Amino acid sequence: MSDSKVAELINTNSRLWKKELIESTFPKEVADRILRIPLAVDPHDDFLAWSGEPSGEYTVHSAYKLLQSLNEDPRAYALQTNYKGFYKKTMAT
């Protein structure tokens, strides 16, 4: 599956995950996590979601700049399991 795309794991007619394919391809824990990800009701083209730069392009510089603006130690995010607040600031809505 190294050259596969996420779209191959989605049934285009029903807009549901291809459960059997996912469960036969990934370890149980990973498959369970994938299957918990909600899918968009309507298909749409991919889009850039990084809001750290107006262009939508992710760079190490833009990530570092964002972390600096949070006035926190950037290393603190490297080992934590709960990133919700950080990701809300980095992903465009």
PDB file of N, CA and C in Angstrom:
ATOM      1  N   MET A   1       0.813  -1.206   0.000  1.00  0.00           N
ATOM      2  CA  MET A   1       0.000   0.000   0.000  1.00  0.00           C
ATOM      3  C   MET A   1       0.847   1.258   0.000  1.00  0.00           C
ATOM      4  N   SER A   2       2.133   1.160  -0.171  1.00  0.00           N
ATOM      5  CA  SER A   2       2.982   2.341  -0.068  1.00  0.00           C
ATOM      6  C   SER A   2       2.669   3.392  -1.133  1.00  0.00           C
ATOM      7  N   ASP A   3       2.159   2.983  -2.294  1.00  0.00           N
ATOM      8  CA  ASP A   3       1.823   3.941  -3.343  1.00  0.00           C
ATOM      9  C   ASP A   3       0.328   4.221  -3.406  1.00  0.00           C
ATOM     10  N   SER A   4      -0.416   3.720  -2.457  1.00  0.00           N
ATOM     11  CA  SER A   4      -1.869   3.875  -2.461  1.00  0.00           C
ATOM     12  C   SER A   4      -2.282   5.233  -1.910  1.00  0.00           C
ATOM     13  N   LYS A   5      -3.525   5.582  -2.186  1.00  0.00           N
ATOM     14  CA  LYS A   5      -4.077   6.844  -1.708  1.00  0.00           C
ATOM     15  C   LYS A   5      -5.270   6.570  -0.811  1.00  0.00           C
ATOM     16  N   VAL A   6      -5.544   7.495   0.072  1.00  0.00           N
ATOM     17  CA  VAL A   6      -6.669   7.359   0.995  1.00  0.00           C
ATOM     18  C   VAL A   6      -7.962   7.135   0.220  1.00  0.00           C
ATOM     19  N   ALA A   7      -8.111   7.793  -0.919  1.00  0.00           N
ATOM     20  CA  ALA A   7      -9.336   7.665  -1.713  1.00  0.00           C
ATOM     21  C   ALA A   7      -9.641   6.212  -2.068  1.00  0.00           C
ATOM     22  N   GLU A   8      -8.618   5.383  -2.166  1.00  0.00           N
ATOM     23  CA  GLU A   8      -8.819   3.967  -2.487  1.00  0.00           C
ATOM     24  C   GLU A   8      -9.466   3.206  -1.338  1.00  0.00           C
ATOM     25  N   LEU A   9      -9.485   3.798  -0.158  1.00  0.00           N
ATOM     26  CA  LEU A   9     -10.093   3.162   1.014  1.00  0.00           C
ATOM     27  C   LEU A   9     -11.539   3.608   1.223  1.00  0.00           C
ATOM     28  N   ILE A  10     -12.049   4.432   0.309  1.00  0.00           N
ATOM     29  CA  ILE A  10     -13.401   4.982   0.440  1.00  0.00           C
ATOM     30  C   ILE A  10     -14.263   4.494  -0.718  1.00  0.00           C
ATOM     31  N   ASN A  11     -15.452   3.997  -0.398  1.00  0.00           N
ATOM     32  CA  ASN A  11     -16.423   3.604  -1.413  1.00  0.00           C
ATOM     33  C   ASN A  11     -17.025   4.886  -1.983  1.00  0.00           C
ATOM     34  N   THR A  12     -16.798   5.135  -3.271  1.00  0.00           N
ATOM     35  CA  THR A  12     -17.227   6.400  -3.868  1.00  0.00           C
ATOM     36  C   THR A  12     -18.741   6.521  -3.983  1.00  0.00           C
ATOM     37  N   ASN A  13     -19.454   5.407  -4.035  1.00  0.00           N
ATOM     38  CA  ASN A  13     -20.918   5.463  -4.143  1.00  0.00           C
ATOM     39  C   ASN A  13     -21.578   5.742  -2.798  1.00  0.00           C
ATOM     40  N   SER A  14     -21.143   5.030  -1.771  1.00  0.00           N
ATOM     41  CA  SER A  14     -21.783   5.161  -0.456  1.00  0.00           C
ATOM     42  C   SER A  14     -21.116   6.205   0.437  1.00  0.00           C
ATOM     43  N   ARG A  15     -19.896   6.645   0.072  1.00  0.00           N
ATOM     44  CA  ARG A  15     -19.104   7.570   0.890  1.00  0.00           C
ATOM     45  C   ARG A  15     -18.820   6.989   2.269  1.00  0.00           C
ATOM     46  N   LEU A  16     -18.598   5.680   2.311  1.00  0.00           N
ATOM     47  CA  LEU A  16     -18.234   4.978   3.542  1.00  0.00           C
ATOM     48  C   LEU A  16     -16.855   4.366   3.357  1.00  0.00           C
ATOM     49  N   TRP A  17     -16.185   4.120   4.484  1.00  0.00           N
ATOM     50  CA  TRP A  17     -14.900   3.431   4.437  1.00  0.00           C
ATOM     51  C   TRP A  17     -15.097   2.019   3.903  1.00  0.00           C
ATOM     52  N   LYS A  18     -14.112   1.509   3.169  1.00  0.00           N
ATOM     53  CA  LYS A  18     -14.104   0.104   2.750  1.00  0.00           C
ATOM     54  C   LYS A  18     -13.552  -0.693   3.930  1.00  0.00           C
ATOM     55  N   LYS A  19     -14.444  -1.029   4.826  1.00  0.00           N
ATOM     56  CA  LYS A  19     -14.080  -1.619   6.113  1.00  0.00           C
ATOM     57  C   LYS A  19     -13.232  -2.883   5.958  1.00  0.00           C
ATOM     58  N   GLU A  20     -13.662  -3.790   5.105  1.00  0.00           N
ATOM     59  CA  GLU A  20     -12.936  -5.055   4.949  1.00  0.00           C
ATOM     60  C   GLU A  20     -11.511  -4.823   4.449  1.00  0.00           C
ATOM     61  N   LEU A  21     -11.357  -3.911   3.495  1.00  0.00           N
ATOM     62  CA  LEU A  21     -10.027  -3.604   2.964  1.00  0.00           C
ATOM     63  C   LEU A  21      -9.144  -2.999   4.047  1.00  0.00           C
ATOM     64  N   ILE A  22      -9.691  -2.086   4.808  1.00  0.00           N
ATOM     65  CA  ILE A  22      -8.924  -1.432   5.872  1.00  0.00           C
ATOM     66  C   ILE A  22      -8.511  -2.444   6.930  1.00  0.00           C
ATOM     67  N   GLU A  23      -9.452  -3.290   7.338  1.00  0.00           N
ATOM     68  CA  GLU A  23      -9.149  -4.281   8.381  1.00  0.00           C
ATOM     69  C   GLU A  23      -8.158  -5.337   7.913  1.00  0.00           C
ATOM     70  N   SER A  24      -8.126  -5.606   6.616  1.00  0.00           N
ATOM     71  CA  SER A  24      -7.173  -6.604   6.113  1.00  0.00           C
ATOM     72  C   SER A  24      -5.810  -5.996   5.774  1.00  0.00           C
ATOM     73  N   THR A  25      -5.738  -4.667   5.738  1.00  0.00           N
ATOM     74  CA  THR A  25      -4.504  -3.983   5.351  1.00  0.00           C
ATOM     75  C   THR A  25      -3.708  -3.471   6.541  1.00  0.00           C
ATOM     76  N   PHE A  26      -4.406  -3.024   7.570  1.00  0.00           N
ATOM     77  CA  PHE A  26      -3.757  -2.371   8.700  1.00  0.00           C
ATOM     78  C   PHE A  26      -3.899  -3.186   9.977  1.00  0.00           C
ATOM     79  N   PRO A  27      -2.983  -2.995  10.938  1.00  0.00           N
ATOM     80  CA  PRO A  27      -3.150  -3.623  12.256  1.00  0.00           C
ATOM     81  C   PRO A  27      -4.477  -3.154  12.871  1.00  0.00           C
ATOM     82  N   LYS A  28      -5.049  -3.964  13.735  1.00  0.00           N
ATOM     83  CA  LYS A  28      -6.369  -3.690  14.312  1.00  0.00           C
ATOM     84  C   LYS A  28      -6.473  -2.291  14.906  1.00  0.00           C
ATOM     85  N   GLU A  29      -5.493  -1.890  15.700  1.00  0.00           N
ATOM     86  CA  GLU A  29      -5.554  -0.573  16.342  1.00  0.00           C
ATOM     87  C   GLU A  29      -5.595   0.551  15.306  1.00  0.00           C
ATOM     88  N   VAL A  30      -4.798   0.429  14.258  1.00  0.00           N
ATOM     89  CA  VAL A  30      -4.764   1.448  13.206  1.00  0.00           C
ATOM     90  C   VAL A  30      -6.077   1.434  12.426  1.00  0.00           C
ATOM     91  N   ALA A  31      -6.554   0.243  12.075  1.00  0.00           N
ATOM     92  CA  ALA A  31      -7.820   0.128  11.344  1.00  0.00           C
ATOM     93  C   ALA A  31      -8.963   0.750  12.138  1.00  0.00           C
ATOM     94  N   ASP A  32      -9.007   0.486  13.431  1.00  0.00           N
ATOM     95  CA  ASP A  32     -10.061   1.057  14.277  1.00  0.00           C
ATOM     96  C   ASP A  32     -10.010   2.583  14.266  1.00  0.00           C
ATOM     97  N   ARG A  33      -8.815   3.130  14.296  1.00  0.00           N
ATOM     98  CA  ARG A  33      -8.677   4.598  14.280  1.00  0.00           C
ATOM     99  C   ARG A  33      -9.120   5.175  12.939  1.00  0.00           C
ATOM    100  N   ILE A  34      -8.727   4.517  11.866  1.00  0.00           N
ATOM    101  CA  ILE A  34      -9.138   4.984  10.533  1.00  0.00           C
ATOM    102  C   ILE A  34     -10.655   4.977  10.422  1.00  0.00           C
ATOM    103  N   LEU A  35     -11.271   3.880  10.846  1.00  0.00           N
ATOM    104  CA  LEU A  35     -12.723   3.735  10.715  1.00  0.00           C
ATOM    105  C   LEU A  35     -13.503   4.724  11.580  1.00  0.00           C
ATOM    106  N   ARG A  36     -12.855   5.310  12.566  1.00  0.00           N
ATOM    107  CA  ARG A  36     -13.512   6.323  13.408  1.00  0.00           C
ATOM    108  C   ARG A  36     -13.452   7.724  12.794  1.00  0.00           C
ATOM    109  N   ILE A  37     -12.666   7.887  11.741  1.00  0.00           N
ATOM    110  CA  ILE A  37     -12.555   9.198  11.091  1.00  0.00           C
ATOM    111  C   ILE A  37     -13.806   9.430  10.249  1.00  0.00           C
ATOM    112  N   PRO A  38     -14.546  10.497  10.534  1.00  0.00           N
ATOM    113  CA  PRO A  38     -15.752  10.768   9.734  1.00  0.00           C
ATOM    114  C   PRO A  38     -15.378  11.223   8.327  1.00  0.00           C
ATOM    115  N   LEU A  39     -16.168  10.796   7.371  1.00  0.00           N
ATOM    116  CA  LEU A  39     -15.939  11.179   5.979  1.00  0.00           C
ATOM    117  C   LEU A  39     -16.925  12.269   5.571  1.00  0.00           C
ATOM    118  N   ALA A  40     -16.487  13.111   4.661  1.00  0.00           N
ATOM    119  CA  ALA A  40     -17.370  14.152   4.135  1.00  0.00           C
ATOM    120  C   ALA A  40     -18.525  13.500   3.381  1.00  0.00           C
ATOM    121  N   VAL A  41     -19.699  14.061   3.525  1.00  0.00           N
ATOM    122  CA  VAL A  41     -20.873  13.526   2.835  1.00  0.00           C
ATOM    123  C   VAL A  41     -20.724  13.704   1.331  1.00  0.00           C
ATOM    124  N   ASP A  42     -20.243  14.857   0.923  1.00  0.00           N
ATOM    125  CA  ASP A  42     -20.052  15.140  -0.497  1.00  0.00           C
ATOM    126  C   ASP A  42     -18.571  15.081  -0.834  1.00  0.00           C
ATOM    127  N   PRO A  43     -18.221  14.407  -1.931  1.00  0.00           N
ATOM    128  CA  PRO A  43     -16.802  14.376  -2.319  1.00  0.00           C
ATOM    129  C   PRO A  43     -16.339  15.773  -2.736  1.00  0.00           C
ATOM    130  N   HIS A  44     -15.067  16.049  -2.533  1.00  0.00           N
ATOM    131  CA  HIS A  44     -14.505  17.336  -2.933  1.00  0.00           C
ATOM    132  C   HIS A  44     -13.032  17.153  -3.238  1.00  0.00           C
ATOM    133  N   ASP A  45     -12.493  18.082  -3.989  1.00  0.00           N
ATOM    134  CA  ASP A  45     -11.071  18.037  -4.312  1.00  0.00           C
ATOM    135  C   ASP A  45     -10.255  18.320  -3.063  1.00  0.00           C
ATOM    136  N   ASP A  46      -9.031  17.815  -3.053  1.00  0.00           N
ATOM    137  CA  ASP A  46      -8.120  18.121  -1.957  1.00  0.00           C
ATOM    138  C   ASP A  46      -7.850  19.628  -1.929  1.00  0.00           C
ATOM    139  N   PHE A  47      -7.507  20.118  -0.766  1.00  0.00           N
ATOM    140  CA  PHE A  47      -7.170  21.525  -0.638  1.00  0.00           C
ATOM    141  C   PHE A  47      -6.095  21.679   0.424  1.00  0.00           C
ATOM    142  N   LEU A  48      -5.355  22.763   0.338  1.00  0.00           N
ATOM    143  CA  LEU A  48      -4.331  23.051   1.327  1.00  0.00           C
ATOM    144  C   LEU A  48      -4.994  23.564   2.589  1.00  0.00           C
ATOM    145  N   ALA A  49      -4.596  23.015   3.718  1.00  0.00           N
ATOM    146  CA  ALA A  49      -5.249  23.375   4.971  1.00  0.00           C
ATOM    147  C   ALA A  49      -4.325  24.109   5.941  1.00  0.00           C
ATOM    148  N   TRP A  50      -3.081  24.290   5.611  1.00  0.00           N
ATOM    149  CA  TRP A  50      -2.142  24.951   6.515  1.00  0.00           C
ATOM    150  C   TRP A  50      -2.436  26.437   6.534  1.00  0.00           C
ATOM    151  N   SER A  51      -2.760  26.958   7.700  1.00  0.00           N
ATOM    152  CA  SER A  51      -3.094  28.380   7.795  1.00  0.00           C
ATOM    153  C   SER A  51      -1.931  29.216   8.318  1.00  0.00           C
ATOM    154  N   GLY A  52      -0.775  28.598   8.468  1.00  0.00           N
ATOM    155  CA  GLY A  52       0.391  29.321   8.962  1.00  0.00           C
ATOM    156  C   GLY A  52       0.965  30.295   7.956  1.00  0.00           C
ATOM    157  N   GLU A  53       0.617  30.131   6.677  1.00  0.00           N
ATOM    158  CA  GLU A  53       1.066  31.022   5.613  1.00  0.00           C
ATOM    159  C   GLU A  53      -0.118  31.320   4.703  1.00  0.00           C
ATOM    160  N   PRO A  54      -0.208  32.534   4.182  1.00  0.00           N
ATOM    161  CA  PRO A  54      -1.321  32.870   3.281  1.00  0.00           C
ATOM    162  C   PRO A  54      -1.389  31.958   2.056  1.00  0.00           C
ATOM    163  N   SER A  55      -0.241  31.454   1.606  1.00  0.00           N
ATOM    164  CA  SER A  55      -0.214  30.581   0.428  1.00  0.00           C
ATOM    165  C   SER A  55      -0.751  29.189   0.726  1.00  0.00           C
ATOM    166  N   GLY A  56      -0.869  28.835   1.997  1.00  0.00           N
ATOM    167  CA  GLY A  56      -1.287  27.488   2.367  1.00  0.00           C
ATOM    168  C   GLY A  56      -0.139  26.495   2.351  1.00  0.00           C
ATOM    169  N   GLU A  57       1.060  26.956   1.993  1.00  0.00           N
ATOM    170  CA  GLU A  57       2.223  26.072   1.916  1.00  0.00           C
ATOM    171  C   GLU A  57       2.847  25.899   3.299  1.00  0.00           C
ATOM    172  N   TYR A  58       3.041  24.629   3.695  1.00  0.00           N
ATOM    173  CA  TYR A  58       3.671  24.332   4.983  1.00  0.00           C
ATOM    174  C   TYR A  58       5.183  24.403   4.829  1.00  0.00           C
ATOM    175  N   THR A  59       5.816  25.103   5.737  1.00  0.00           N
ATOM    176  CA  THR A  59       7.273  25.114   5.804  1.00  0.00           C
ATOM    177  C   THR A  59       7.676  24.985   7.266  1.00  0.00           C
ATOM    178  N   VAL A  60       8.874  24.533   7.496  1.00  0.00           N
ATOM    179  CA  VAL A  60       9.372  24.458   8.863  1.00  0.00           C
ATOM    180  C   VAL A  60       9.382  25.856   9.470  1.00  0.00           C
ATOM    181  N   HIS A  61       9.755  26.825   8.667  1.00  0.00           N
ATOM    182  CA  HIS A  61       9.792  28.211   9.149  1.00  0.00           C
ATOM    183  C   HIS A  61       8.409  28.667   9.612  1.00  0.00           C
ATOM    184  N   SER A  62       7.370  28.363   8.823  1.00  0.00           N
ATOM    185  CA  SER A  62       6.028  28.814   9.210  1.00  0.00           C
ATOM    186  C   SER A  62       5.537  28.094  10.462  1.00  0.00           C
ATOM    187  N   ALA A  63       5.902  26.829  10.628  1.00  0.00           N
ATOM    188  CA  ALA A  63       5.519  26.101  11.844  1.00  0.00           C
ATOM    189  C   ALA A  63       6.241  26.680  13.056  1.00  0.00           C
ATOM    190  N   TYR A  64       7.523  26.972  12.893  1.00  0.00           N
ATOM    191  CA  TYR A  64       8.296  27.551  13.991  1.00  0.00           C
ATOM    192  C   TYR A  64       7.737  28.920  14.370  1.00  0.00           C
ATOM    193  N   LYS A  65       7.389  29.715  13.354  1.00  0.00           N
ATOM    194  CA  LYS A  65       6.818  31.036  13.594  1.00  0.00           C
ATOM    195  C   LYS A  65       5.503  30.910  14.376  1.00  0.00           C
ATOM    196  N   LEU A  66       4.685  29.933  14.023  1.00  0.00           N
ATOM    197  CA  LEU A  66       3.433  29.727  14.745  1.00  0.00           C
ATOM    198  C   LEU A  66       3.701  29.339  16.195  1.00  0.00           C
ATOM    199  N   LEU A  67       4.623  28.425  16.412  1.00  0.00           N
ATOM    200  CA  LEU A  67       4.944  28.015  17.780  1.00  0.00           C
ATOM    201  C   LEU A  67       5.479  29.184  18.599  1.00  0.00           C
ATOM    202  N   GLN A  68       6.285  30.022  17.985  1.00  0.00           N
ATOM    203  CA  GLN A  68       6.804  31.192  18.689  1.00  0.00           C
ATOM    204  C   GLN A  68       5.671  32.139  19.082  1.00  0.00           C
ATOM    205  N   SER A  69       4.667  32.252  18.219  1.00  0.00           N
ATOM    206  CA  SER A  69       3.553  33.160  18.520  1.00  0.00           C
ATOM    207  C   SER A  69       2.691  32.646  19.666  1.00  0.00           C
ATOM    208  N   LEU A  70       2.792  31.367  19.978  1.00  0.00           N
ATOM    209  CA  LEU A  70       2.027  30.803  21.085  1.00  0.00           C
ATOM    210  C   LEU A  70       2.674  31.098  22.431  1.00  0.00           C
ATOM    211  N   ASN A  71       3.900  31.631  22.410  1.00  0.00           N
ATOM    212  CA  ASN A  71       4.646  31.924  23.635  1.00  0.00           C
ATOM    213  C   ASN A  71       4.810  30.691  24.521  1.00  0.00           C
ATOM    214  N   GLU A  72       5.013  29.564  23.888  1.00  0.00           N
ATOM    215  CA  GLU A  72       5.247  28.323  24.612  1.00  0.00           C
ATOM    216  C   GLU A  72       6.511  27.675  24.067  1.00  0.00           C
ATOM    217  N   ASP A  73       7.009  26.724  24.792  1.00  0.00           N
ATOM    218  CA  ASP A  73       8.191  25.993  24.366  1.00  0.00           C
ATOM    219  C   ASP A  73       7.803  25.045  23.233  1.00  0.00           C
ATOM    220  N   PRO A  74       8.346  25.226  22.006  1.00  0.00           N
ATOM    221  CA  PRO A  74       7.993  24.356  20.886  1.00  0.00           C
ATOM    222  C   PRO A  74       8.258  22.879  21.169  1.00  0.00           C
ATOM    223  N   ARG A  75       9.235  22.597  22.027  1.00  0.00           N
ATOM    224  CA  ARG A  75       9.547  21.192  22.338  1.00  0.00           C
ATOM    225  C   ARG A  75       8.433  20.530  23.129  1.00  0.00           C
ATOM    226  N   ALA A  76       7.588  21.310  23.764  1.00  0.00           N
ATOM    227  CA  ALA A  76       6.511  20.745  24.578  1.00  0.00           C
ATOM    228  C   ALA A  76       5.540  19.935  23.732  1.00  0.00           C
ATOM    229  N   TYR A  77       5.391  20.284  22.456  1.00  0.00           N
ATOM    230  CA  TYR A  77       4.446  19.581  21.597  1.00  0.00           C
ATOM    231  C   TYR A  77       5.009  18.283  21.040  1.00  0.00           C
ATOM    232  N   ALA A  78       6.290  18.089  21.127  1.00  0.00           N
ATOM    233  CA  ALA A  78       6.910  16.899  20.550  1.00  0.00           C
ATOM    234  C   ALA A  78       6.545  15.624  21.297  1.00  0.00           C
ATOM    235  N   LEU A  79       6.279  15.689  22.580  1.00  0.00           N
ATOM    236  CA  LEU A  79       6.050  14.484  23.363  1.00  0.00           C
ATOM    237  C   LEU A  79       4.629  14.361  23.911  1.00  0.00           C
ATOM    238  N   GLN A  80       3.789  15.314  23.675  1.00  0.00           N
ATOM    239  CA  GLN A  80       2.448  15.265  24.239  1.00  0.00           C
ATOM    240  C   GLN A  80       1.493  14.503  23.332  1.00  0.00           C
ATOM    241  N   THR A  81       0.511  13.868  23.942  1.00  0.00           N
ATOM    242  CA  THR A  81      -0.457  13.089  23.170  1.00  0.00           C
ATOM    243  C   THR A  81      -1.691  13.895  22.803  1.00  0.00           C
ATOM    244  N   ASN A  82      -1.930  15.007  23.438  1.00  0.00           N
ATOM    245  CA  ASN A  82      -3.125  15.788  23.154  1.00  0.00           C
ATOM    246  C   ASN A  82      -2.726  17.089  22.459  1.00  0.00           C
ATOM    247  N   TYR A  83      -2.940  17.159  21.147  1.00  0.00           N
ATOM    248  CA  TYR A  83      -2.536  18.322  20.354  1.00  0.00           C
ATOM    249  C   TYR A  83      -3.710  19.194  19.939  1.00  0.00           C
ATOM    250  N   LYS A  84      -4.911  18.964  20.449  1.00  0.00           N
ATOM    251  CA  LYS A  84      -6.109  19.624  19.929  1.00  0.00           C
ATOM    252  C   LYS A  84      -5.962  21.137  19.806  1.00  0.00           C
ATOM    253  N   GLY A  85      -5.513  21.804  20.853  1.00  0.00           N
ATOM    254  CA  GLY A  85      -5.380  23.257  20.802  1.00  0.00           C
ATOM    255  C   GLY A  85      -4.398  23.706  19.740  1.00  0.00           C
ATOM    256  N   PHE A  86      -3.298  23.006  19.630  1.00  0.00           N
ATOM    257  CA  PHE A  86      -2.290  23.343  18.631  1.00  0.00           C
ATOM    258  C   PHE A  86      -2.842  23.153  17.224  1.00  0.00           C
ATOM    259  N   TYR A  87      -3.479  22.007  16.961  1.00  0.00           N
ATOM    260  CA  TYR A  87      -3.985  21.742  15.618  1.00  0.00           C
ATOM    261  C   TYR A  87      -5.107  22.693  15.226  1.00  0.00           C
ATOM    262  N   LYS A  88      -5.918  23.118  16.184  1.00  0.00           N
ATOM    263  CA  LYS A  88      -6.971  24.078  15.865  1.00  0.00           C
ATOM    264  C   LYS A  88      -6.370  25.378  15.343  1.00  0.00           C
ATOM    265  N   LYS A  89      -5.194  25.730  15.833  1.00  0.00           N
ATOM    266  CA  LYS A  89      -4.543  26.961  15.392  1.00  0.00           C
ATOM    267  C   LYS A  89      -3.809  26.773  14.072  1.00  0.00           C
ATOM    268  N   THR A  90      -3.446  25.536  13.729  1.00  0.00           N
ATOM    269  CA  THR A  90      -2.667  25.310  12.519  1.00  0.00           C
ATOM    270  C   THR A  90      -3.506  24.932  11.318  1.00  0.00           C
ATOM    271  N   MET A  91      -4.699  24.427  11.526  1.00  0.00           N
ATOM    272  CA  MET A  91      -5.518  23.965  10.414  1.00  0.00           C
ATOM    273  C   MET A  91      -6.575  25.014  10.081  1.00  0.00           C
ATOM    274  N   ALA A  92      -6.696  25.310   8.807  1.00  0.00           N
ATOM    275  CA  ALA A  92      -7.710  26.269   8.369  1.00  0.00           C
ATOM    276  C   ALA A  92      -9.089  25.643   8.506  1.00  0.00           C
ATOM    277  N   THR A  93     -10.054  26.443   8.808  1.00  0.00           N
ATOM    278  CA  THR A  93     -11.425  25.935   8.919  1.00  0.00           C
ATOM    279  C   THR A  93     -12.308  26.543   7.866  1.00  0.00           C
TER     280      THR A  93
END
